[in-house]
Amino acid sequence: VQAGGSLRLSCTASGRTLNNYVISWFRQAPGKGREFVAGIW
């Protein structure tokens, strides 16, 4: 996407419902560590 644009990511879970979990998004750029982005309880 071009700078200024938008994207929507989805995370689909299977195996269990997510009622008892915190779900977070992390990201990792080349040569860098894994960085927290956002989370939801």
PDB file of all heavy atoms in Angstrom:
ATOM      1  N   VAL A   1       0.854  -1.189   0.000  1.00  0.00           N
ATOM      2  CA  VAL A   1       0.000   0.000   0.000  1.00  0.00           C
ATOM      3  C   VAL A   1       0.888   1.237   0.000  1.00  0.00           C
ATOM      4  O   VAL A   1       2.013   1.199   0.502  1.00  0.00           O
ATOM      5  CB  VAL A   1      -0.938  -0.018   1.234  1.00  0.00           C
ATOM      6  CG1 VAL A   1      -0.143   0.055   2.536  1.00  0.00           C
ATOM      7  CG2 VAL A   1      -1.982   1.072   1.166  1.00  0.00           C
ATOM      8  N   GLN A   2       0.372   2.318  -0.554  1.00  0.00           N
ATOM      9  CA  GLN A   2       1.117   3.573  -0.545  1.00  0.00           C
ATOM     10  C   GLN A   2       0.999   4.254   0.811  1.00  0.00           C
ATOM     11  O   GLN A   2       0.013   4.063   1.539  1.00  0.00           O
ATOM     12  CB  GLN A   2       0.591   4.505  -1.630  1.00  0.00           C
ATOM     13  CG  GLN A   2       0.953   4.083  -3.035  1.00  0.00           C
ATOM     14  CD  GLN A   2       0.577   5.114  -4.066  1.00  0.00           C
ATOM     15  OE1 GLN A   2      -0.352   5.893  -3.875  1.00  0.00           O
ATOM     16  NE2 GLN A   2       1.307   5.139  -5.171  1.00  0.00           N
ATOM     17  N   ALA A   3       1.987   5.056   1.114  1.00  0.00           N
ATOM     18  CA  ALA A   3       1.955   5.826   2.351  1.00  0.00           C
ATOM     19  C   ALA A   3       0.671   6.664   2.402  1.00  0.00           C
ATOM     20  O   ALA A   3       0.263   7.247   1.394  1.00  0.00           O
ATOM     21  CB  ALA A   3       3.183   6.715   2.459  1.00  0.00           C
ATOM     22  N   GLY A   4       0.054   6.683   3.569  1.00  0.00           N
ATOM     23  CA  GLY A   4      -1.209   7.375   3.744  1.00  0.00           C
ATOM     24  C   GLY A   4      -2.426   6.488   3.534  1.00  0.00           C
ATOM     25  O   GLY A   4      -3.550   6.887   3.858  1.00  0.00           O
ATOM     26  N   GLY A   5      -2.208   5.305   2.999  1.00  0.00           N
ATOM     27  CA  GLY A   5      -3.302   4.388   2.732  1.00  0.00           C
ATOM     28  C   GLY A   5      -3.673   3.549   3.936  1.00  0.00           C
ATOM     29  O   GLY A   5      -3.165   3.759   5.054  1.00  0.00           O
ATOM     30  N   SER A   6      -4.559   2.573   3.703  1.00  0.00           N
ATOM     31  CA  SER A   6      -5.091   1.729   4.775  1.00  0.00           C
ATOM     32  C   SER A   6      -5.027   0.260   4.393  1.00  0.00           C
ATOM     33  O   SER A   6      -5.061  -0.096   3.207  1.00  0.00           O
ATOM     34  CB  SER A   6      -6.554   2.103   5.066  1.00  0.00           C
ATOM     35  OG  SER A   6      -6.682   3.441   5.488  1.00  0.00           O
ATOM     36  N   LEU A   7      -4.937  -0.571   5.413  1.00  0.00           N
ATOM     37  CA  LEU A   7      -5.048  -2.018   5.271  1.00  0.00           C
ATOM     38  C   LEU A   7      -5.778  -2.554   6.484  1.00  0.00           C
ATOM     39  O   LEU A   7      -5.706  -1.969   7.574  1.00  0.00           O
ATOM     40  CB  LEU A   7      -3.676  -2.683   5.186  1.00  0.00           C
ATOM     41  CG  LEU A   7      -2.943  -2.742   3.846  1.00  0.00           C
ATOM     42  CD1 LEU A   7      -1.574  -3.367   4.039  1.00  0.00           C
ATOM     43  CD2 LEU A   7      -3.745  -3.505   2.809  1.00  0.00           C
ATOM     44  N   ARG A   8      -6.423  -3.689   6.298  1.00  0.00           N
ATOM     45  CA  ARG A   8      -7.098  -4.357   7.414  1.00  0.00           C
ATOM     46  C   ARG A   8      -6.585  -5.782   7.504  1.00  0.00           C
ATOM     47  O   ARG A   8      -6.736  -6.559   6.559  1.00  0.00           O
ATOM     48  CB  ARG A   8      -8.614  -4.352   7.222  1.00  0.00           C
ATOM     49  CG  ARG A   8      -9.401  -4.927   8.393  1.00  0.00           C
ATOM     50  CD  ARG A   8     -10.889  -4.802   8.129  1.00  0.00           C
ATOM     51  NE  ARG A   8     -11.706  -5.315   9.206  1.00  0.00           N
ATOM     52  CZ  ARG A   8     -12.086  -4.614  10.268  1.00  0.00           C
ATOM     53  NH1 ARG A   8     -11.697  -3.359  10.384  1.00  0.00           N
ATOM     54  NH2 ARG A   8     -12.841  -5.163  11.208  1.00  0.00           N
ATOM     55  N   LEU A   9      -5.977  -6.106   8.622  1.00  0.00           N
ATOM     56  CA  LEU A   9      -5.484  -7.452   8.880  1.00  0.00           C
ATOM     57  C   LEU A   9      -6.497  -8.226   9.717  1.00  0.00           C
ATOM     58  O   LEU A   9      -7.185  -7.648  10.560  1.00  0.00           O
ATOM     59  CB  LEU A   9      -4.151  -7.409   9.630  1.00  0.00           C
ATOM     60  CG  LEU A   9      -3.027  -6.579   9.005  1.00  0.00           C
ATOM     61  CD1 LEU A   9      -1.764  -6.716   9.855  1.00  0.00           C
ATOM     62  CD2 LEU A   9      -2.776  -6.988   7.576  1.00  0.00           C
ATOM     63  N   SER A  10      -6.555  -9.521   9.478  1.00  0.00           N
ATOM     64  CA  SER A  10      -7.419 -10.393  10.274  1.00  0.00           C
ATOM     65  C   SER A  10      -6.599 -11.529  10.873  1.00  0.00           C
ATOM     66  O   SER A  10      -5.676 -12.032  10.230  1.00  0.00           O
ATOM     67  CB  SER A  10      -8.543 -10.982   9.426  1.00  0.00           C
ATOM     68  OG  SER A  10      -9.473  -9.988   9.074  1.00  0.00           O
ATOM     69  N   CYS A  11      -6.977 -11.913  12.069  1.00  0.00           N
ATOM     70  CA  CYS A  11      -6.386 -13.055  12.756  1.00  0.00           C
ATOM     71  C   CYS A  11      -7.527 -14.013  13.089  1.00  0.00           C
ATOM     72  O   CYS A  11      -8.393 -13.688  13.907  1.00  0.00           O
ATOM     73  CB  CYS A  11      -5.678 -12.593  14.021  1.00  0.00           C
ATOM     74  SG  CYS A  11      -5.019 -13.926  15.045  1.00  0.00           S
ATOM     75  N   THR A  12      -7.512 -15.170  12.467  1.00  0.00           N
ATOM     76  CA  THR A  12      -8.564 -16.162  12.678  1.00  0.00           C
ATOM     77  C   THR A  12      -8.044 -17.258  13.596  1.00  0.00           C
ATOM     78  O   THR A  12      -6.960 -17.807  13.358  1.00  0.00           O
ATOM     79  CB  THR A  12      -9.022 -16.756  11.347  1.00  0.00           C
ATOM     80  OG1 THR A  12      -9.498 -15.696  10.515  1.00  0.00           O
ATOM     81  CG2 THR A  12     -10.145 -17.758  11.568  1.00  0.00           C
ATOM     82  N   ALA A  13      -8.831 -17.557  14.610  1.00  0.00           N
ATOM     83  CA  ALA A  13      -8.432 -18.570  15.581  1.00  0.00           C
ATOM     84  C   ALA A  13      -9.242 -19.842  15.397  1.00  0.00           C
ATOM     85  O   ALA A  13     -10.425 -19.799  15.068  1.00  0.00           O
ATOM     86  CB  ALA A  13      -8.631 -18.048  17.001  1.00  0.00           C
ATOM     87  N   SER A  14      -8.595 -20.965  15.637  1.00  0.00           N
ATOM     88  CA  SER A  14      -9.273 -22.259  15.638  1.00  0.00           C
ATOM     89  C   SER A  14      -8.732 -23.080  16.791  1.00  0.00           C
ATOM     90  O   SER A  14      -7.679 -22.789  17.345  1.00  0.00           O
ATOM     91  CB  SER A  14      -9.077 -22.993  14.320  1.00  0.00           C
ATOM     92  OG  SER A  14      -7.697 -23.200  14.076  1.00  0.00           O
ATOM     93  N   GLY A  15      -9.472 -24.092  17.158  1.00  0.00           N
ATOM     94  CA  GLY A  15      -9.047 -24.947  18.255  1.00  0.00           C
ATOM     95  C   GLY A  15      -9.739 -24.621  19.558  1.00  0.00           C
ATOM     96  O   GLY A  15     -10.113 -25.520  20.299  1.00  0.00           O
ATOM     97  N   ARG A  16      -9.862 -23.339  19.857  1.00  0.00           N
ATOM     98  CA  ARG A  16     -10.548 -22.884  21.054  1.00  0.00           C
ATOM     99  C   ARG A  16     -11.160 -21.519  20.783  1.00  0.00           C
ATOM    100  O   ARG A  16     -10.690 -20.785  19.914  1.00  0.00           O
ATOM    101  CB  ARG A  16      -9.573 -22.754  22.234  1.00  0.00           C
ATOM    102  CG  ARG A  16      -9.061 -24.059  22.790  1.00  0.00           C
ATOM    103  CD  ARG A  16      -8.186 -23.817  24.011  1.00  0.00           C
ATOM    104  NE  ARG A  16      -7.677 -25.053  24.565  1.00  0.00           N
ATOM    105  CZ  ARG A  16      -6.818 -25.121  25.572  1.00  0.00           C
ATOM    106  NH1 ARG A  16      -6.377 -24.013  26.130  1.00  0.00           N
ATOM    107  NH2 ARG A  16      -6.401 -26.270  26.024  1.00  0.00           N
ATOM    108  N   THR A  17     -12.179 -21.193  21.559  1.00  0.00           N
ATOM    109  CA  THR A  17     -12.662 -19.817  21.502  1.00  0.00           C
ATOM    110  C   THR A  17     -11.646 -18.930  22.229  1.00  0.00           C
ATOM    111  O   THR A  17     -10.841 -19.408  23.031  1.00  0.00           O
ATOM    112  CB  THR A  17     -14.037 -19.669  22.160  1.00  0.00           C
ATOM    113  OG1 THR A  17     -13.904 -19.966  23.557  1.00  0.00           O
ATOM    114  CG2 THR A  17     -15.049 -20.613  21.535  1.00  0.00           C
ATOM    115  N   LEU A  18     -11.723 -17.662  21.942  1.00  0.00           N
ATOM    116  CA  LEU A  18     -10.721 -16.732  22.466  1.00  0.00           C
ATOM    117  C   LEU A  18     -11.167 -16.033  23.744  1.00  0.00           C
ATOM    118  O   LEU A  18     -10.502 -15.101  24.199  1.00  0.00           O
ATOM    119  CB  LEU A  18     -10.373 -15.706  21.389  1.00  0.00           C
ATOM    120  CG  LEU A  18      -9.720 -16.299  20.139  1.00  0.00           C
ATOM    121  CD1 LEU A  18      -9.511 -15.214  19.098  1.00  0.00           C
ATOM    122  CD2 LEU A  18      -8.407 -16.980  20.481  1.00  0.00           C
ATOM    123  N   ASN A  19     -12.252 -16.504  24.342  1.00  0.00           N
ATOM    124  CA  ASN A  19     -12.800 -15.830  25.524  1.00  0.00           C
ATOM    125  C   ASN A  19     -11.788 -15.670  26.647  1.00  0.00           C
ATOM    126  O   ASN A  19     -11.837 -14.686  27.384  1.00  0.00           O
ATOM    127  CB  ASN A  19     -13.998 -16.608  26.066  1.00  0.00           C
ATOM    128  CG  ASN A  19     -15.208 -16.507  25.176  1.00  0.00           C
ATOM    129  OD1 ASN A  19     -15.260 -15.664  24.285  1.00  0.00           O
ATOM    130  ND2 ASN A  19     -16.180 -17.360  25.402  1.00  0.00           N
ATOM    131  N   ASN A  20     -10.869 -16.599  26.777  1.00  0.00           N
ATOM    132  CA  ASN A  20      -9.959 -16.591  27.922  1.00  0.00           C
ATOM    133  C   ASN A  20      -8.558 -16.114  27.552  1.00  0.00           C
ATOM    134  O   ASN A  20      -7.598 -16.415  28.261  1.00  0.00           O
ATOM    135  CB  ASN A  20      -9.866 -18.000  28.520  1.00  0.00           C
ATOM    136  CG  ASN A  20     -11.205 -18.471  29.051  1.00  0.00           C
ATOM    137  OD1 ASN A  20     -11.935 -17.686  29.656  1.00  0.00           O
ATOM    138  ND2 ASN A  20     -11.541 -19.726  28.822  1.00  0.00           N
ATOM    139  N   TYR A  21      -8.454 -15.353  26.485  1.00  0.00           N
ATOM    140  CA  TYR A  21      -7.142 -14.960  26.011  1.00  0.00           C
ATOM    141  C   TYR A  21      -7.024 -13.450  25.786  1.00  0.00           C
ATOM    142  O   TYR A  21      -8.015 -12.760  25.563  1.00  0.00           O
ATOM    143  CB  TYR A  21      -6.808 -15.674  24.698  1.00  0.00           C
ATOM    144  CG  TYR A  21      -6.608 -17.153  24.865  1.00  0.00           C
ATOM    145  CD1 TYR A  21      -7.679 -18.033  24.748  1.00  0.00           C
ATOM    146  CD2 TYR A  21      -5.349 -17.668  25.159  1.00  0.00           C
ATOM    147  CE1 TYR A  21      -7.496 -19.392  24.914  1.00  0.00           C
ATOM    148  CE2 TYR A  21      -5.159 -19.028  25.319  1.00  0.00           C
ATOM    149  CZ  TYR A  21      -6.234 -19.885  25.194  1.00  0.00           C
ATOM    150  OH  TYR A  21      -6.038 -21.215  25.366  1.00  0.00           O
ATOM    151  N   VAL A  22      -5.782 -13.007  25.855  1.00  0.00           N
ATOM    152  CA  VAL A  22      -5.404 -11.692  25.336  1.00  0.00           C
ATOM    153  C   VAL A  22      -4.795 -11.941  23.961  1.00  0.00           C
ATOM    154  O   VAL A  22      -3.914 -12.804  23.814  1.00  0.00           O
ATOM    155  CB  VAL A  22      -4.388 -10.999  26.252  1.00  0.00           C
ATOM    156  CG1 VAL A  22      -3.860  -9.725  25.618  1.00  0.00           C
ATOM    157  CG2 VAL A  22      -5.010 -10.706  27.610  1.00  0.00           C
ATOM    158  N   ILE A  23      -5.282 -11.220  22.979  1.00  0.00           N
ATOM    159  CA  ILE A  23      -4.776 -11.355  21.614  1.00  0.00           C
ATOM    160  C   ILE A  23      -4.060 -10.057  21.247  1.00  0.00           C
ATOM    161  O   ILE A  23      -4.611  -8.961  21.435  1.00  0.00           O
ATOM    162  CB  ILE A  23      -5.921 -11.577  20.607  1.00  0.00           C
ATOM    163  CG1 ILE A  23      -6.851 -12.682  21.093  1.00  0.00           C
ATOM    164  CG2 ILE A  23      -5.362 -11.904  19.228  1.00  0.00           C
ATOM    165  CD1 ILE A  23      -6.199 -14.013  21.303  1.00  0.00           C
ATOM    166  N   SER A  24      -2.863 -10.196  20.740  1.00  0.00           N
ATOM    167  CA  SER A  24      -2.092  -9.009  20.368  1.00  0.00           C
ATOM    168  C   SER A  24      -1.522  -9.144  18.967  1.00  0.00           C
ATOM    169  O   SER A  24      -1.318 -10.260  18.472  1.00  0.00           O
ATOM    170  CB  SER A  24      -0.954  -8.761  21.359  1.00  0.00           C
ATOM    171  OG  SER A  24      -1.441  -8.301  22.592  1.00  0.00           O
ATOM    172  N   TRP A  25      -1.274  -8.010  18.393  1.00  0.00           N
ATOM    173  CA  TRP A  25      -0.533  -7.936  17.137  1.00  0.00           C
ATOM    174  C   TRP A  25       0.885  -7.441  17.440  1.00  0.00           C
ATOM    175  O   TRP A  25       1.063  -6.474  18.189  1.00  0.00           O
ATOM    176  CB  TRP A  25      -1.198  -6.979  16.159  1.00  0.00           C
ATOM    177  CG  TRP A  25      -2.467  -7.507  15.577  1.00  0.00           C
ATOM    178  CD1 TRP A  25      -3.739  -7.321  16.026  1.00  0.00           C
ATOM    179  CD2 TRP A  25      -2.583  -8.319  14.398  1.00  0.00           C
ATOM    180  NE1 TRP A  25      -4.636  -7.957  15.217  1.00  0.00           N
ATOM    181  CE2 TRP A  25      -3.963  -8.582  14.198  1.00  0.00           C
ATOM    182  CE3 TRP A  25      -1.677  -8.850  13.471  1.00  0.00           C
ATOM    183  CZ2 TRP A  25      -4.439  -9.350  13.134  1.00  0.00           C
ATOM    184  CZ3 TRP A  25      -2.148  -9.601  12.415  1.00  0.00           C
ATOM    185  CH2 TRP A  25      -3.514  -9.846  12.246  1.00  0.00           C
ATOM    186  N   PHE A  26       1.842  -8.127  16.849  1.00  0.00           N
ATOM    187  CA  PHE A  26       3.243  -7.710  16.887  1.00  0.00           C
ATOM    188  C   PHE A  26       3.708  -7.529  15.447  1.00  0.00           C
ATOM    189  O   PHE A  26       3.070  -8.001  14.509  1.00  0.00           O
ATOM    190  CB  PHE A  26       4.111  -8.786  17.559  1.00  0.00           C
ATOM    191  CG  PHE A  26       3.923  -8.894  19.046  1.00  0.00           C
ATOM    192  CD1 PHE A  26       2.836  -9.575  19.585  1.00  0.00           C
ATOM    193  CD2 PHE A  26       4.826  -8.315  19.923  1.00  0.00           C
ATOM    194  CE1 PHE A  26       2.658  -9.679  20.961  1.00  0.00           C
ATOM    195  CE2 PHE A  26       4.667  -8.418  21.301  1.00  0.00           C
ATOM    196  CZ  PHE A  26       3.576  -9.099  21.815  1.00  0.00           C
ATOM    197  N   ARG A  27       4.821  -6.863  15.289  1.00  0.00           N
ATOM    198  CA  ARG A  27       5.414  -6.735  13.962  1.00  0.00           C
ATOM    199  C   ARG A  27       6.928  -6.838  14.068  1.00  0.00           C
ATOM    200  O   ARG A  27       7.513  -6.538  15.106  1.00  0.00           O
ATOM    201  CB  ARG A  27       5.002  -5.426  13.295  1.00  0.00           C
ATOM    202  CG  ARG A  27       5.517  -4.175  13.977  1.00  0.00           C
ATOM    203  CD  ARG A  27       4.895  -2.939  13.332  1.00  0.00           C
ATOM    204  NE  ARG A  27       5.370  -1.701  13.938  1.00  0.00           N
ATOM    205  CZ  ARG A  27       4.882  -0.499  13.637  1.00  0.00           C
ATOM    206  NH1 ARG A  27       3.889  -0.376  12.752  1.00  0.00           N
ATOM    207  NH2 ARG A  27       5.378   0.578  14.234  1.00  0.00           N
ATOM    208  N   GLN A  28       7.513  -7.265  12.959  1.00  0.00           N
ATOM    209  CA  GLN A  28       8.962  -7.408  12.919  1.00  0.00           C
ATOM    210  C   GLN A  28       9.479  -6.922  11.574  1.00  0.00           C
ATOM    211  O   GLN A  28       9.150  -7.493  10.533  1.00  0.00           O
ATOM    212  CB  GLN A  28       9.374  -8.865  13.155  1.00  0.00           C
ATOM    213  CG  GLN A  28      10.872  -9.048  13.326  1.00  0.00           C
ATOM    214  CD  GLN A  28      11.228 -10.398  13.912  1.00  0.00           C
ATOM    215  OE1 GLN A  28      10.416 -11.338  13.908  1.00  0.00           O
ATOM    216  NE2 GLN A  28      12.430 -10.516  14.443  1.00  0.00           N
ATOM    217  N   ALA A  29      10.251  -5.850  11.613  1.00  0.00           N
ATOM    218  CA  ALA A  29      10.888  -5.307  10.419  1.00  0.00           C
ATOM    219  C   ALA A  29      12.234  -5.998  10.223  1.00  0.00           C
ATOM    220  O   ALA A  29      12.804  -6.542  11.184  1.00  0.00           O
ATOM    221  CB  ALA A  29      11.070  -3.809  10.561  1.00  0.00           C
ATOM    222  N   PRO A  30      12.757  -5.988   9.015  1.00  0.00           N
ATOM    223  CA  PRO A  30      14.050  -6.644   8.753  1.00  0.00           C
ATOM    224  C   PRO A  30      15.141  -6.113   9.671  1.00  0.00           C
ATOM    225  O   PRO A  30      15.306  -4.903   9.826  1.00  0.00           O
ATOM    226  CB  PRO A  30      14.322  -6.281   7.292  1.00  0.00           C
ATOM    227  CG  PRO A  30      12.972  -6.068   6.697  1.00  0.00           C
ATOM    228  CD  PRO A  30      12.160  -5.444   7.785  1.00  0.00           C
ATOM    229  N   GLY A  31      15.857  -7.045  10.305  1.00  0.00           N
ATOM    230  CA  GLY A  31      16.968  -6.673  11.163  1.00  0.00           C
ATOM    231  C   GLY A  31      16.571  -6.156  12.523  1.00  0.00           C
ATOM    232  O   GLY A  31      17.428  -5.724  13.302  1.00  0.00           O
ATOM    233  N   LYS A  32      15.273  -6.208  12.850  1.00  0.00           N
ATOM    234  CA  LYS A  32      14.811  -5.695  14.144  1.00  0.00           C
ATOM    235  C   LYS A  32      14.094  -6.779  14.924  1.00  0.00           C
ATOM    236  O   LYS A  32      13.717  -7.819  14.388  1.00  0.00           O
ATOM    237  CB  LYS A  32      13.886  -4.499  13.924  1.00  0.00           C
ATOM    238  CG  LYS A  32      14.576  -3.289  13.301  1.00  0.00           C
ATOM    239  CD  LYS A  32      13.654  -2.087  13.306  1.00  0.00           C
ATOM    240  CE  LYS A  32      14.365  -0.854  12.761  1.00  0.00           C
ATOM    241  NZ  LYS A  32      13.477   0.341  12.765  1.00  0.00           N
ATOM    242  N   GLY A  33      13.898  -6.517  16.198  1.00  0.00           N
ATOM    243  CA  GLY A  33      13.170  -7.451  17.043  1.00  0.00           C
ATOM    244  C   GLY A  33      11.671  -7.341  16.850  1.00  0.00           C
ATOM    245  O   GLY A  33      11.178  -6.467  16.140  1.00  0.00           O
ATOM    246  N   ARG A  34      10.947  -8.245  17.493  1.00  0.00           N
ATOM    247  CA  ARG A  34       9.499  -8.255  17.385  1.00  0.00           C
ATOM    248  C   ARG A  34       8.926  -7.177  18.303  1.00  0.00           C
ATOM    249  O   ARG A  34       9.195  -7.161  19.497  1.00  0.00           O
ATOM    250  CB  ARG A  34       8.974  -9.639  17.742  1.00  0.00           C
ATOM    251  CG  ARG A  34       7.630  -9.953  17.148  1.00  0.00           C
ATOM    252  CD  ARG A  34       7.350 -11.441  17.116  1.00  0.00           C
ATOM    253  NE  ARG A  34       8.124 -12.115  16.074  1.00  0.00           N
ATOM    254  CZ  ARG A  34       7.891 -13.367  15.683  1.00  0.00           C
ATOM    255  NH1 ARG A  34       6.935 -14.068  16.262  1.00  0.00           N
ATOM    256  NH2 ARG A  34       8.627 -13.906  14.743  1.00  0.00           N
ATOM    257  N   GLU A  35       8.097  -6.318  17.738  1.00  0.00           N
ATOM    258  CA  GLU A  35       7.591  -5.124  18.417  1.00  0.00           C
ATOM    259  C   GLU A  35       6.092  -5.232  18.633  1.00  0.00           C
ATOM    260  O   GLU A  35       5.334  -5.560  17.702  1.00  0.00           O
ATOM    261  CB  GLU A  35       7.905  -3.895  17.551  1.00  0.00           C
ATOM    262  CG  GLU A  35       7.324  -2.590  18.047  1.00  0.00           C
ATOM    263  CD  GLU A  35       7.415  -1.479  17.001  1.00  0.00           C
ATOM    264  OE1 GLU A  35       7.487  -1.789  15.794  1.00  0.00           O
ATOM    265  OE2 GLU A  35       7.382  -0.300  17.395  1.00  0.00           O
ATOM    266  N   PHE A  36       5.644  -4.920  19.856  1.00  0.00           N
ATOM    267  CA  PHE A  36       4.215  -4.907  20.163  1.00  0.00           C
ATOM    268  C   PHE A  36       3.534  -3.776  19.399  1.00  0.00           C
ATOM    269  O   PHE A  36       4.073  -2.665  19.296  1.00  0.00           O
ATOM    270  CB  PHE A  36       4.011  -4.715  21.660  1.00  0.00           C
ATOM    271  CG  PHE A  36       2.592  -4.433  22.047  1.00  0.00           C
ATOM    272  CD1 PHE A  36       1.667  -5.459  22.148  1.00  0.00           C
ATOM    273  CD2 PHE A  36       2.167  -3.139  22.285  1.00  0.00           C
ATOM    274  CE1 PHE A  36       0.352  -5.201  22.489  1.00  0.00           C
ATOM    275  CE2 PHE A  36       0.863  -2.870  22.634  1.00  0.00           C
ATOM    276  CZ  PHE A  36      -0.051  -3.896  22.732  1.00  0.00           C
ATOM    277  N   VAL A  37       2.328  -4.061  18.888  1.00  0.00           N
ATOM    278  CA  VAL A  37       1.548  -3.062  18.159  1.00  0.00           C
ATOM    279  C   VAL A  37       0.243  -2.729  18.883  1.00  0.00           C
ATOM    280  O   VAL A  37      -0.029  -1.571  19.197  1.00  0.00           O
ATOM    281  CB  VAL A  37       1.243  -3.564  16.729  1.00  0.00           C
ATOM    282  CG1 VAL A  37       0.343  -2.574  15.997  1.00  0.00           C
ATOM    283  CG2 VAL A  37       2.524  -3.807  15.949  1.00  0.00           C
ATOM    284  N   ALA A  38      -0.570  -3.747  19.142  1.00  0.00           N
ATOM    285  CA  ALA A  38      -1.874  -3.524  19.772  1.00  0.00           C
ATOM    286  C   ALA A  38      -2.359  -4.825  20.379  1.00  0.00           C
ATOM    287  O   ALA A  38      -2.003  -5.902  19.900  1.00  0.00           O
ATOM    288  CB  ALA A  38      -2.889  -3.010  18.758  1.00  0.00           C
ATOM    289  N   GLY A  39      -3.188  -4.717  21.427  1.00  0.00           N
ATOM    290  CA  GLY A  39      -3.714  -5.905  22.069  1.00  0.00           C
ATOM    291  C   GLY A  39      -5.142  -5.719  22.513  1.00  0.00           C
ATOM    292  O   GLY A  39      -5.628  -4.580  22.663  1.00  0.00           O
ATOM    293  N   ILE A  40      -5.831  -6.832  22.729  1.00  0.00           N
ATOM    294  CA  ILE A  40      -7.209  -6.799  23.196  1.00  0.00           C
ATOM    295  C   ILE A  40      -7.424  -7.941  24.180  1.00  0.00           C
ATOM    296  O   ILE A  40      -7.054  -9.085  23.912  1.00  0.00           O
ATOM    297  CB  ILE A  40      -8.211  -6.873  22.014  1.00  0.00           C
ATOM    298  CG1 ILE A  40      -9.645  -6.749  22.509  1.00  0.00           C
ATOM    299  CG2 ILE A  40      -8.020  -8.149  21.193  1.00  0.00           C
ATOM    300  CD1 ILE A  40     -10.646  -6.477  21.364  1.00  0.00           C
ATOM    301  N   TRP A  41      -7.982  -7.587  25.335  1.00  0.00           N
ATOM    302  CA  TRP A  41      -8.372  -8.612  26.311  1.00  0.00           C
ATOM    303  C   TRP A  41      -9.804  -8.983  25.951  1.00  0.00           C
ATOM    304  O   TRP A  41     -10.741  -8.219  26.218  1.00  0.00           O
ATOM    305  CB  TRP A  41      -8.238  -8.063  27.721  1.00  0.00           C
ATOM    306  CG  TRP A  41      -8.446  -9.094  28.792  1.00  0.00           C
ATOM    307  CD1 TRP A  41      -8.648 -10.433  28.644  1.00  0.00           C
ATOM    308  CD2 TRP A  41      -8.469  -8.852  30.198  1.00  0.00           C
ATOM    309  NE1 TRP A  41      -8.790 -11.036  29.853  1.00  0.00           N
ATOM    310  CE2 TRP A  41      -8.677 -10.099  30.849  1.00  0.00           C
ATOM    311  CE3 TRP A  41      -8.308  -7.714  30.996  1.00  0.00           C
ATOM    312  CZ2 TRP A  41      -8.740 -10.223  32.222  1.00  0.00           C
ATOM    313  CZ3 TRP A  41      -8.375  -7.841  32.365  1.00  0.00           C
ATOM    314  CH2 TRP A  41      -8.595  -9.076  32.964  1.00  0.00           C
TER     315      TRP A  41
END
